[in-house]
Amino acid sequence: VSVDGAWDHWREGNECQVVFVNKRSDKVISVQQVTKGYGNETVNFSGASGNMESEANRHSLPKLKQIKIKGYTHDDNNKTRKIFSDNLRELKEHLDSVHVKKSHESNFAKFNINGIL
């Protein structure tokens, strides 16, 4: 299963949606939305925006425990890794190749500031 979260805004978002996709069938297994708001808005989360993806992952655990999955692929979010390792230890962890590539390119650019490499 592949898992990733998206926010309604890149900074201080009020909503985060985490989607779990079966990598073999390309079908969505689960979607969890976490919302925080202000005033009279209906919400299911209070806390920092950076913790919303983790909260959505936690909400998905009961359903994921009912499905037979062998592993999970994520974007190297250390909070996601901890949630899965604490609750679904038997699953094999995989990193998303696109995110890994972006990370390597970013790190390479930082060390290659003089354009030598």
Protein backbone atom coordinates (compact mmCIF):
# COMPACT_ATOMS: atom_id res chain seq x y z
CA VAL A 1 0.00 0.00 0.00
CA SER A 2 1.19 3.50 -0.80
CA VAL A 3 0.40 6.32 1.64
CA ASP A 4 0.73 10.08 1.37
CA GLY A 5 -0.92 13.18 2.75
CA ALA A 6 -1.87 16.49 1.16
CA TRP A 7 -2.91 19.77 2.75
CA ASP A 8 -5.32 22.45 1.59
CA HIS A 9 -2.53 25.00 1.95
CA TRP A 10 1.25 24.56 1.95
CA ARG A 11 1.57 26.49 5.21
CA GLU A 12 -0.71 26.43 8.25
CA GLY A 13 -3.35 24.37 6.46
CA ASN A 14 -6.72 23.63 8.02
CA GLU A 15 -7.28 20.29 6.27
CA CYS A 16 -5.11 17.29 5.56
CA GLN A 17 -6.19 14.28 3.55
CA VAL A 18 -4.25 11.02 3.66
CA VAL A 19 -4.85 8.51 0.89
CA PHE A 20 -3.91 4.82 0.94
CA VAL A 21 -3.62 3.22 -2.50
CA ASN A 22 -3.23 -0.46 -3.35
CA LYS A 23 -0.12 -0.38 -5.55
CA ARG A 24 -1.08 -3.54 -7.45
CA SER A 25 -4.62 -2.56 -8.41
CA ASP A 26 -4.17 1.24 -8.31
CA LYS A 27 -7.35 1.47 -6.25
CA VAL A 28 -7.90 3.65 -3.22
CA ILE A 29 -8.15 1.56 -0.04
CA SER A 30 -8.78 4.32 2.46
CA VAL A 31 -9.05 8.09 2.70
CA GLN A 32 -8.84 9.95 5.97
CA GLN A 33 -9.44 13.66 6.30
CA VAL A 34 -8.41 15.65 9.33
CA THR A 35 -9.81 19.15 9.79
CA LYS A 36 -9.03 21.89 12.22
CA GLY A 37 -10.94 25.12 12.24
CA TYR A 38 -11.80 28.30 13.97
CA GLY A 39 -14.98 29.50 15.64
CA ASN A 40 -18.03 27.32 15.04
CA GLU A 41 -16.49 25.08 12.38
CA THR A 42 -16.87 21.31 12.73
CA VAL A 43 -13.44 19.82 13.31
CA ASN A 44 -11.82 16.50 14.27
CA PHE A 45 -8.35 17.77 15.13
CA SER A 46 -6.77 20.43 17.31
CA GLY A 47 -3.05 20.96 17.17
CA ALA A 48 -0.24 21.95 14.84
CA SER A 49 -0.80 21.58 11.09
CA GLY A 50 2.41 19.57 10.84
CA ASN A 51 0.82 16.82 12.94
CA MET A 52 -2.31 16.45 10.82
CA GLU A 53 -0.90 13.76 8.52
CA SER A 54 0.09 11.69 11.54
CA GLU A 55 -3.36 12.02 13.03
CA ALA A 56 -4.98 10.91 9.75
CA ASN A 57 -2.62 7.92 9.65
CA ARG A 58 -3.66 6.98 13.19
CA HIS A 59 -7.35 7.20 12.22
CA SER A 60 -6.66 4.73 9.37
CA LEU A 61 -5.00 2.05 11.51
CA PRO A 62 -8.14 0.05 12.41
CA LYS A 63 -9.11 -0.34 8.75
CA LEU A 64 -5.54 -1.14 7.66
CA LYS A 65 -5.28 -3.85 10.32
CA GLN A 66 -8.27 -5.61 8.70
CA ILE A 67 -6.67 -5.65 5.23
CA LYS A 68 -3.92 -8.11 4.33
CA ILE A 69 -1.02 -5.94 3.23
CA LYS A 70 2.66 -6.85 3.16
CA GLY A 71 4.25 -3.43 3.21
CA TYR A 72 3.84 0.30 2.82
CA THR A 73 5.47 2.96 0.67
CA HIS A 74 5.78 6.51 1.95
CA ASP A 75 7.63 9.76 1.34
CA ASP A 76 10.23 9.32 4.11
CA ASN A 77 8.09 11.13 6.66
CA ASN A 78 9.58 10.01 9.97
CA LYS A 79 6.22 10.36 11.75
CA THR A 80 4.59 7.97 9.28
CA ARG A 81 7.42 5.49 9.81
CA LYS A 82 6.97 5.65 13.60
CA ILE A 83 3.20 5.16 13.45
CA PHE A 84 3.55 2.11 11.22
CA SER A 85 6.46 0.61 13.17
CA ASP A 86 4.62 1.07 16.48
CA ASN A 87 1.31 -0.37 15.25
CA LEU A 88 1.98 -2.59 12.23
CA ARG A 89 5.50 -3.89 12.84
CA GLU A 90 5.14 -6.83 10.50
CA LEU A 91 4.87 -4.56 7.44
CA LYS A 92 7.90 -3.98 5.26
CA GLU A 93 8.78 -0.32 4.74
CA HIS A 94 9.55 1.13 1.29
CA LEU A 95 10.44 4.68 0.34
CA ASP A 96 8.79 6.38 -2.62
CA SER A 97 11.40 6.63 -5.38
CA VAL A 98 10.24 10.06 -6.59
CA HIS A 99 10.61 11.58 -3.13
CA VAL A 100 13.98 9.88 -2.64
CA LYS A 101 15.20 11.27 -5.97
CA LYS A 102 14.06 14.80 -5.05
CA SER A 103 15.80 14.51 -1.70
CA HIS A 104 19.06 13.39 -3.30
CA GLU A 105 18.88 16.18 -5.89
CA SER A 106 18.27 18.76 -3.17
CA ASN A 107 21.17 17.49 -1.06
CA PHE A 108 23.44 17.38 -4.09
CA ALA A 109 22.55 21.00 -4.95
CA LYS A 110 23.41 22.12 -1.40
CA PHE A 111 26.88 20.55 -1.60
CA ASN A 112 27.46 21.68 -5.18
CA ILE A 113 26.96 25.41 -4.59
CA ASN A 114 30.04 26.29 -6.64
CA GLY A 115 28.91 24.17 -9.61
CA ILE A 116 32.04 22.03 -9.50
CA LEU A 117 30.31 18.64 -9.56
